[in-house]
Protein backbone atom coordinates (compact mmCIF):
# COMPACT_ATOMS: atom_id res chain seq x y z
CA UNK A 1 13.68 56.29 84.57
CA UNK A 2 12.67 53.24 86.78
CA UNK A 3 14.76 50.88 84.07
CA UNK A 4 17.81 52.78 85.42
CA UNK A 5 17.07 52.85 88.50
CA UNK A 6 17.03 49.24 88.81
CA UNK A 7 20.30 48.98 87.33
CA UNK A 8 21.44 50.66 89.72
CA UNK A 9 20.61 49.14 92.71
CA UNK A 10 21.22 46.13 91.35
CA UNK A 11 24.55 47.16 91.11
CA UNK A 12 24.96 48.98 94.23
CA UNK A 13 23.63 46.16 96.34
CA UNK A 14 27.53 44.80 95.22
CA UNK A 15 29.24 47.91 97.03
CA UNK A 16 31.18 45.99 99.81
CA UNK A 17 31.22 48.19 103.23
CA UNK A 18 35.05 46.94 103.15
CA UNK A 19 37.33 49.87 101.50
CA UNK A 20 40.03 47.65 99.16
CA UNK A 21 42.62 46.08 100.96
CA UNK A 22 46.15 46.40 99.72
CA UNK A 23 47.24 43.21 101.35
CA UNK A 24 44.14 41.13 100.63
CA UNK A 25 44.97 37.81 99.39
CA UNK A 26 42.48 38.19 96.25
CA UNK A 27 44.28 38.25 93.28
CA UNK A 28 42.16 37.28 89.72
CA UNK A 29 40.64 34.11 91.07
CA UNK A 30 36.79 35.34 91.77
CA UNK A 31 36.68 37.13 87.86
CA UNK A 32 38.24 34.64 86.24
CA UNK A 33 35.70 32.47 87.80
CA UNK A 34 32.89 34.65 87.34
CA UNK A 35 33.96 34.87 83.20
CA UNK A 36 33.86 31.52 83.48
CA UNK A 37 30.24 30.86 84.82
CA UNK A 38 29.11 33.07 81.91
CA UNK A 39 31.38 31.53 78.98
CA UNK A 40 34.76 34.06 78.70
CA UNK A 41 32.72 36.56 76.73
CA UNK A 42 36.18 38.89 77.53
CA UNK A 43 37.32 36.10 74.88
CA UNK A 44 35.17 37.27 72.09
CA UNK A 45 36.37 40.18 71.40
CA UNK A 46 39.46 42.27 70.02
CA UNK A 47 40.63 44.52 72.68
CA UNK A 48 42.51 47.32 73.49
CA UNK A 49 43.51 47.94 77.51
CA UNK A 50 44.69 51.04 78.42
CA UNK A 51 46.36 51.79 81.79
CA UNK A 52 48.40 54.64 83.97
CA UNK A 53 47.32 57.62 85.94
CA UNK A 54 46.56 59.92 83.46
CA UNK A 55 44.71 60.85 80.90
CA UNK A 56 43.85 56.96 80.64
CA UNK A 57 39.62 58.04 80.05
CA UNK A 58 40.72 60.89 77.13
CA UNK A 59 42.76 58.20 75.20
CA UNK A 60 40.32 55.35 75.40
CA UNK A 61 37.80 57.74 74.07
CA UNK A 62 40.10 59.19 71.29
CA UNK A 63 40.99 55.75 70.56
CA UNK A 64 37.00 54.34 70.28
CA UNK A 65 36.24 57.91 68.48
CA UNK A 66 38.70 57.33 65.44
CA UNK A 67 37.81 53.86 65.66
CA UNK A 68 34.44 54.51 64.50
CA UNK A 69 35.23 57.18 62.24
CA UNK A 70 37.51 54.01 60.32
CA UNK A 71 33.87 52.60 60.36
CA UNK A 72 35.08 49.74 62.81
CA UNK A 73 32.04 49.37 65.85
CA UNK A 74 33.03 49.96 68.97
CA UNK A 75 32.91 48.72 72.34
CA UNK A 76 33.91 51.32 75.32
CA UNK A 77 34.02 50.74 79.31
CA UNK A 78 35.22 53.62 81.20
CA UNK A 79 35.25 54.53 84.64
CA UNK A 80 34.07 55.70 87.05
CA UNK A 81 31.68 57.52 86.21
CA UNK A 82 30.00 60.84 87.04
CA UNK A 83 26.32 60.85 86.41
CA UNK A 84 25.18 57.64 85.37
CA UNK A 85 26.60 54.46 85.14
CA UNK A 86 25.21 54.05 81.51
CA UNK A 87 28.49 56.26 80.70
CA UNK A 88 31.13 53.13 81.70
CA UNK A 89 29.47 51.56 78.71
CA UNK A 90 29.44 52.55 75.09
CA UNK A 91 28.94 51.11 71.69
CA UNK A 92 29.88 53.25 69.09
CA UNK A 93 30.36 56.24 71.35
CA UNK A 94 26.61 56.48 72.67
CA UNK A 95 25.49 55.41 76.18
CA UNK A 96 24.04 52.02 76.14
CA UNK A 97 19.87 51.73 77.33
CA UNK A 98 19.33 50.90 80.75
CA UNK A 99 16.58 48.75 79.10
CA UNK A 100 19.71 46.16 77.54
CA UNK A 101 22.02 46.45 80.94
CA UNK A 102 19.38 45.08 82.81
CA UNK A 103 18.85 41.77 80.37
CA UNK A 104 22.13 41.86 80.82
CA UNK A 105 22.37 41.59 84.37
CA UNK A 106 19.84 39.21 84.55
CA UNK A 107 22.71 36.92 83.65
CA UNK A 108 25.48 38.26 85.32
CA UNK A 109 23.67 38.61 89.01
CA UNK A 110 23.34 34.60 88.88
CA UNK A 111 26.08 33.73 88.02
CA UNK A 112 27.31 36.17 90.89
CA UNK A 113 25.32 33.81 93.53
CA UNK A 114 26.92 30.92 91.52
CA UNK A 115 30.09 32.89 92.59
CA UNK A 116 29.61 33.78 95.89
CA UNK A 117 28.58 30.37 96.81
CA UNK A 118 31.66 28.41 95.45
CA UNK A 119 34.44 30.80 95.59
CA UNK A 120 36.91 30.79 98.57
CA UNK A 121 37.13 34.95 98.17
CA UNK A 122 32.72 35.09 98.88
CA UNK A 123 31.06 37.54 96.10
CA UNK A 124 32.03 39.22 93.22
CA UNK A 125 32.54 43.27 94.02
CA UNK A 126 30.60 45.93 92.43
CA UNK A 127 33.65 46.44 90.20
CA UNK A 128 33.98 42.95 88.51
CA UNK A 129 29.84 43.32 88.22
CA UNK A 130 31.00 46.31 86.05
CA UNK A 131 33.44 44.53 84.34
CA UNK A 132 31.71 41.29 83.39
CA UNK A 133 28.62 43.46 82.58
CA UNK A 134 30.75 45.06 80.00
CA UNK A 135 32.54 41.88 78.36
CA UNK A 136 28.85 40.36 78.17
CA UNK A 137 27.88 43.35 76.25
CA UNK A 138 30.85 43.68 74.01
CA UNK A 139 30.80 39.57 73.20
CA UNK A 140 26.60 39.95 72.18
CA UNK A 141 27.13 43.13 70.31
CA UNK A 142 29.65 41.97 68.17
CA UNK A 143 32.00 44.98 68.25
CA UNK A 144 35.37 44.86 65.90
CA UNK A 145 37.31 46.42 69.02
CA UNK A 146 36.32 47.18 72.78
CA UNK A 147 38.15 50.09 74.16
CA UNK A 148 39.03 48.70 77.88
CA UNK A 149 40.27 51.38 80.52
CA UNK A 150 41.49 49.87 84.25
CA UNK A 151 39.62 50.90 86.83
CA UNK A 152 42.83 50.80 89.56
CA UNK A 153 46.33 49.92 89.27
CA UNK A 154 47.10 47.15 86.69
CA UNK A 155 48.44 43.91 87.34
CA UNK A 156 45.17 42.95 89.48
CA UNK A 157 42.16 44.85 87.90
CA UNK A 158 39.57 42.55 87.78
CA UNK A 159 40.25 43.90 83.84
CA UNK A 160 43.43 42.36 83.39
CA UNK A 161 42.04 38.93 83.03
CA UNK A 162 42.18 40.34 79.02
CA UNK A 163 44.52 39.17 76.34
CA UNK A 164 44.72 42.18 74.75
CA UNK A 165 46.39 42.69 71.34
CA UNK A 166 48.19 46.18 72.20
CA UNK A 167 48.38 47.67 75.84
CA UNK A 168 48.37 51.47 76.60
CA UNK A 169 50.39 53.43 79.23
CA UNK A 170 49.44 56.99 80.05
CA UNK A 171 51.76 58.93 82.44
CA UNK A 172 51.46 57.88 85.98
CA UNK A 173 51.63 60.44 89.21
CA UNK A 174 51.19 59.95 92.74
CA UNK A 175 47.50 58.54 93.29
CA UNK A 176 45.75 55.78 95.19
CA UNK A 177 48.96 55.75 96.87
CA UNK A 178 47.66 53.55 100.05
CA UNK A 179 47.39 50.70 97.11
CA UNK A 180 49.62 51.05 95.04
CA UNK A 181 52.66 52.26 96.93
CA UNK A 182 53.70 55.18 97.63
CA UNK A 183 56.55 55.95 94.92
CA UNK A 184 56.32 56.76 91.15
CA UNK A 185 58.31 53.22 90.50
CA UNK A 186 56.07 51.20 93.07
CA UNK A 187 53.01 52.88 91.07
CA UNK A 188 54.30 51.66 88.02
CA UNK A 189 55.81 48.40 88.79
CA UNK A 190 51.70 47.76 89.55
CA UNK A 191 50.43 49.07 86.41
CA UNK A 192 52.83 47.51 84.05
CA UNK A 193 51.31 44.54 85.20
CA UNK A 194 48.92 45.02 81.86
CA UNK A 195 51.48 43.71 80.04
CA UNK A 196 51.29 40.02 78.30
CA UNK A 197 53.41 38.05 75.80
CA UNK A 198 53.07 38.90 72.11
CA UNK A 199 51.76 42.49 72.94
CA UNK A 200 52.11 46.10 71.36
CA UNK A 201 52.63 48.45 74.46
CA UNK A 202 52.16 51.85 73.66
CA UNK A 203 53.81 53.50 76.34
CA UNK A 204 52.78 57.85 77.31
CA UNK A 205 55.49 57.38 80.44
CA UNK A 206 58.45 60.29 80.72
CA UNK A 207 59.56 59.88 84.27
CA UNK A 208 63.24 58.23 83.34
CA UNK A 209 63.31 56.19 86.47
CA UNK A 210 59.64 54.62 84.71
CA UNK A 211 60.35 54.33 81.68
CA UNK A 212 62.85 51.58 82.61
CA UNK A 213 60.61 49.62 84.74
CA UNK A 214 57.97 49.69 81.92
CA UNK A 215 61.39 48.51 78.90
CA UNK A 216 62.45 45.64 81.40
CA UNK A 217 58.73 44.42 82.08
CA UNK A 218 57.93 45.01 77.82
CA UNK A 219 61.66 42.79 77.43
CA UNK A 220 60.99 39.93 80.26
CA UNK A 221 57.54 39.63 79.11
CA UNK A 222 58.22 39.08 75.40
CA UNK A 223 56.65 42.37 74.27
CA UNK A 224 57.19 45.27 71.93
CA UNK A 225 57.27 48.50 73.10
CA UNK A 226 57.27 51.78 71.52
CA UNK A 227 57.77 54.79 73.27
CA UNK A 228 56.84 58.17 73.37
CA UNK A 229 59.04 61.16 72.25
CA UNK A 230 61.34 57.86 70.91
CA UNK A 231 59.11 56.02 68.11
CA UNK A 232 56.25 58.45 67.92
CA UNK A 233 55.85 62.08 68.73
CA UNK A 234 53.27 64.95 69.02
CA UNK A 235 51.28 65.46 66.36
CA UNK A 236 51.81 68.69 64.84
CA UNK A 237 48.84 71.11 63.76
CA UNK A 238 46.28 68.17 65.12
CA UNK A 239 43.23 69.81 65.91
CA UNK A 240 42.67 68.32 69.79
CA UNK A 241 38.85 68.34 70.93
CA UNK A 242 39.61 68.24 73.93
CA UNK A 243 40.90 71.21 75.81
CA UNK A 244 44.38 71.21 77.40
CA UNK A 245 47.69 70.74 76.52
CA UNK A 246 48.62 67.39 77.90
CA UNK A 247 45.88 66.07 75.22
CA UNK A 248 48.63 66.07 72.76
CA UNK A 249 50.68 63.25 74.14
CA UNK A 250 46.89 61.82 75.18
CA UNK A 251 46.47 61.71 71.08
CA UNK A 252 49.68 60.27 69.75
CA UNK A 253 49.15 57.76 72.10
CA UNK A 254 45.89 56.76 70.99
CA UNK A 255 46.88 57.00 67.73
CA UNK A 256 49.94 55.33 67.74
CA UNK A 257 47.55 52.60 69.70
CA UNK A 258 45.31 52.46 66.24
CA UNK A 259 47.92 52.42 63.87
CA UNK A 260 49.17 49.22 65.78
CA UNK A 261 45.83 47.85 66.02
CA UNK A 262 44.98 48.17 62.36
CA UNK A 263 48.40 47.84 61.30
CA UNK A 264 48.27 51.38 60.20
CA UNK A 265 45.01 50.73 58.07
CA UNK A 266 43.70 53.60 59.26
CA UNK A 267 43.55 57.06 57.56
CA UNK A 268 45.02 60.48 58.60
CA UNK A 269 41.38 62.05 57.78
CA UNK A 270 39.90 59.36 60.26
CA UNK A 271 42.31 60.02 63.16
CA UNK A 272 42.02 63.67 62.22
CA UNK A 273 37.92 63.24 62.42
CA UNK A 274 38.12 61.16 65.49
CA UNK A 275 40.41 63.39 67.67
CA UNK A 276 38.27 66.51 66.19
CA UNK A 277 34.97 64.67 67.69
CA UNK A 278 36.56 63.46 70.75
CA UNK A 279 35.09 64.69 74.07
CA UNK A 280 35.23 63.04 77.27
CA UNK A 281 32.57 64.84 80.68
CA UNK A 282 34.68 66.46 83.55
CA UNK A 283 37.87 67.25 82.08
CA UNK A 284 38.44 70.46 81.47
CA UNK A 285 34.78 70.78 79.94
CA UNK A 286 33.01 74.47 79.37
CA UNK A 287 29.92 73.95 80.37
CA UNK A 288 28.83 77.66 79.89
CA UNK A 289 30.19 80.18 78.20
CA UNK A 290 28.32 83.55 79.97
CA UNK A 291 29.92 83.60 82.91
CA UNK A 292 32.49 80.75 81.54
CA UNK A 293 32.08 77.87 83.88
CA UNK A 294 35.04 74.81 83.45
CA UNK A 295 34.35 71.45 84.92
CA UNK A 296 37.44 69.60 86.05
CA UNK A 297 37.90 66.77 87.69
CA UNK A 298 42.09 67.13 88.59
CA UNK A 299 42.04 65.02 92.07
CA UNK A 300 45.81 64.37 92.66
CA UNK A 301 48.88 67.02 92.28
CA UNK A 302 49.86 66.29 88.74
CA UNK A 303 46.62 66.48 87.13
CA UNK A 304 46.19 70.04 88.97
CA UNK A 305 49.49 70.74 88.38
CA UNK A 306 48.46 70.30 83.98
CA UNK A 307 44.65 71.88 84.41
CA UNK A 308 46.31 75.21 85.92
CA UNK A 309 48.70 75.39 83.29
CA UNK A 310 46.53 74.84 80.25
CA UNK A 311 44.01 77.42 81.60
CA UNK A 312 47.16 80.17 82.39
CA UNK A 313 47.95 79.34 79.19
CA UNK A 314 44.50 79.39 77.55
CA UNK A 315 42.81 82.57 79.22
CA UNK A 316 45.79 84.15 80.28
CA UNK A 317 43.95 87.46 82.05
CA UNK A 318 40.65 85.77 83.52
CA UNK A 319 40.45 86.19 87.14
CA UNK A 320 39.49 82.99 88.98
CA UNK A 321 36.73 82.13 91.16
CA UNK A 322 36.96 78.77 92.02
CA UNK A 323 35.17 75.79 93.72
CA UNK A 324 36.01 72.21 95.08
CA UNK A 325 36.10 69.72 96.89
CA UNK A 326 38.43 66.89 97.67
CA UNK A 327 38.35 62.34 98.68
CA UNK A 328 39.42 61.92 101.68
CA UNK A 329 42.06 60.06 101.12
CA UNK A 330 43.56 62.69 98.76
CA UNK A 331 46.61 64.95 99.16
CA UNK A 332 44.32 68.33 99.51
CA UNK A 333 46.76 70.53 100.94
CA UNK A 334 49.04 69.80 97.47
CA UNK A 335 46.18 70.94 95.11
CA UNK A 336 45.32 73.74 96.97
CA UNK A 337 48.60 74.98 97.21
CA UNK A 338 48.22 75.53 93.00
CA UNK A 339 44.65 76.25 92.69
CA UNK A 340 45.99 79.31 95.43
CA UNK A 341 48.25 80.87 93.79
CA UNK A 342 45.81 81.03 90.66
CA UNK A 343 41.91 81.74 92.44
CA UNK A 344 40.90 85.06 94.13
CA UNK A 345 38.20 83.18 96.22
CA UNK A 346 37.41 79.85 97.08
CA UNK A 347 34.33 78.44 97.38
CA UNK A 348 34.91 75.46 99.57
CA UNK A 349 32.08 72.73 99.48
CA UNK A 350 31.65 68.81 99.55
CA UNK A 351 30.65 66.07 97.37
CA UNK A 352 27.35 63.22 98.34
CA UNK A 353 26.22 60.13 97.30
CA UNK A 354 29.31 58.21 97.37
CA UNK A 355 28.57 54.77 99.82
CA UNK A 356 32.01 54.18 100.39
CA UNK A 357 34.11 58.01 100.61
CA UNK A 358 33.56 60.94 102.28
CA UNK A 359 35.00 64.23 101.17
CA UNK A 360 36.90 66.58 103.41
CA UNK A 361 34.55 68.82 105.34
CA UNK A 362 34.32 72.53 104.07
CA UNK A 363 35.85 73.48 107.47
CA UNK A 364 38.70 71.61 106.87
CA UNK A 365 39.72 72.78 103.03
CA UNK A 366 38.99 76.70 105.36
CA UNK A 367 41.91 76.01 107.47
CA UNK A 368 44.11 74.56 105.28
CA UNK A 369 43.86 77.92 102.13
CA UNK A 370 43.95 79.76 105.31
CA UNK A 371 47.37 78.54 106.88
CA UNK A 372 48.38 78.70 102.86
CA UNK A 373 47.41 81.96 101.99
CA UNK A 374 45.57 83.96 104.33
CA UNK A 375 44.67 86.20 102.13
CA UNK A 376 42.38 84.44 99.82
CA UNK A 377 38.35 84.99 100.38
CA UNK A 378 37.56 81.50 101.71
CA UNK A 379 33.51 81.02 101.14
CA UNK A 380 32.15 77.51 101.89
CA UNK A 381 29.00 75.87 101.48
CA UNK A 382 28.61 72.00 101.62
CA UNK A 383 25.65 71.83 99.39
CA UNK A 384 27.61 71.60 96.04
CA UNK A 385 24.47 73.43 94.04
CA UNK A 386 24.87 75.71 96.21
CA UNK A 387 28.33 76.58 95.96
CA UNK A 388 27.92 76.60 92.54
CA UNK A 389 24.76 78.98 92.50
CA UNK A 390 27.01 81.08 94.97
CA UNK A 391 30.16 81.14 92.25
CA UNK A 392 27.93 82.11 89.30
CA UNK A 393 26.00 85.03 91.28
CA UNK A 394 29.43 86.52 92.08
CA UNK A 395 31.10 85.81 88.55
CA UNK A 396 27.98 88.73 87.37
CA UNK A 397 29.50 91.10 89.29
CA UNK A 398 33.25 90.10 88.39
CA UNK A 399 34.23 90.95 84.98
CA UNK A 400 37.31 88.77 83.80
CA UNK A 401 35.95 85.99 85.74
CA UNK A 402 36.14 82.20 84.79
CA UNK A 403 34.10 79.86 87.16
CA UNK A 404 36.57 76.98 88.10
CA UNK A 405 34.46 73.57 89.31
CA UNK A 406 37.62 71.23 90.46
CA UNK A 407 39.19 68.57 92.66
CA UNK A 408 37.16 65.43 92.53
CA UNK A 409 35.62 63.39 89.68
CA UNK A 410 32.67 62.90 92.05
CA UNK A 411 32.35 66.58 93.15
CA UNK A 412 31.62 67.23 88.82
CA UNK A 413 28.89 64.35 88.72
CA UNK A 414 27.41 65.77 91.63
CA UNK A 415 27.58 69.58 89.63
CA UNK A 416 26.79 68.20 86.23
CA UNK A 417 23.39 67.62 86.95
CA UNK A 418 22.53 72.10 87.07
CA UNK A 419 23.58 71.74 83.74
CA UNK A 420 22.94 67.79 82.63
CA UNK A 421 19.84 66.26 84.71
CA UNK A 422 20.04 62.79 84.12
CA UNK A 423 16.91 62.29 82.85
CA UNK A 424 18.67 64.24 79.82
CA UNK A 425 21.39 61.53 80.11
CA UNK A 426 19.28 58.68 79.88
């Protein structure tokens, strides 16, 4: 635990007090500078680059599990983490130890200080440091394949220094609109910025206007495009380890990416086993059975709609007791509208421990729900663990009830330690 605290302190020290500005002049120069000092580790392993709005973490995880079943040594970098930083640094789908990451930070931190002195753009950011750390790890571990999830957007994301053989674009929706733009077209234009010449691009994008933008970008760039529902389909009778109908498209994209990378050398059985084994915490995660508790980090309208649709289909007779918190920049009204139609009781709470972002206050959530649906029972508790305890207590006295905790990955990170203390994960 001491090593973890040291690692977290080092990385957290790089969190700036200024939130990301869409008008910044900074492009990729700073991360390029940092990686050059580290001898360009990103050029020492093969990679698949995964972008999009919804499903990129699930798709990345499925790809990693399939490759592991096929005998590849895999690296997986996903963000944000729920409980521990190590979640973003995985070898063969196991968290890398804090001691190993600390040793690598002994190389990354001096390089960061050197960039801070030499670059007109100042000190590398928290996310840039994590990306550099992941790339260094995968190079030193000599992975056969690294699956790298985009952090935010695509074009200017620090991961976009990669020259991956395969890129995946999952479906897009309205998220991070202050940074990426307030239309699907603007958002997909930014996310399609990960497409490179001579690449194979797997697209799970479904909106017609967005599909056209991806197709145009692939053509202009000289990339080969394979599109869902055109070049590949949902795979029938595939047992998917993750819950939710929407995972079928993610699985189809994952399989297509694996076969594109491996030249169709991965067997059907390896695919089947990998998809069955793949799990990702905080995404339609059944954390306990009695009463039934499901954790899901849905934090935009599309994700919330997909979550609610899947839950209604899987548990048509269940009554819902919902615990929610939302990041302050999210469209909470739309998510609450979707949840209020399906919940008997909503417990509003807040998440804590995020230096840059706060959550809506419980009173604000209550006000929004009351305007939309005055008849719904609303309870307030700003302590997320106490809010979950209250939900469990109420559920025991209500037959056929499921407890849903949702609205933010940060909330899921706060409450998941109720079942899985951090010490158990490290």
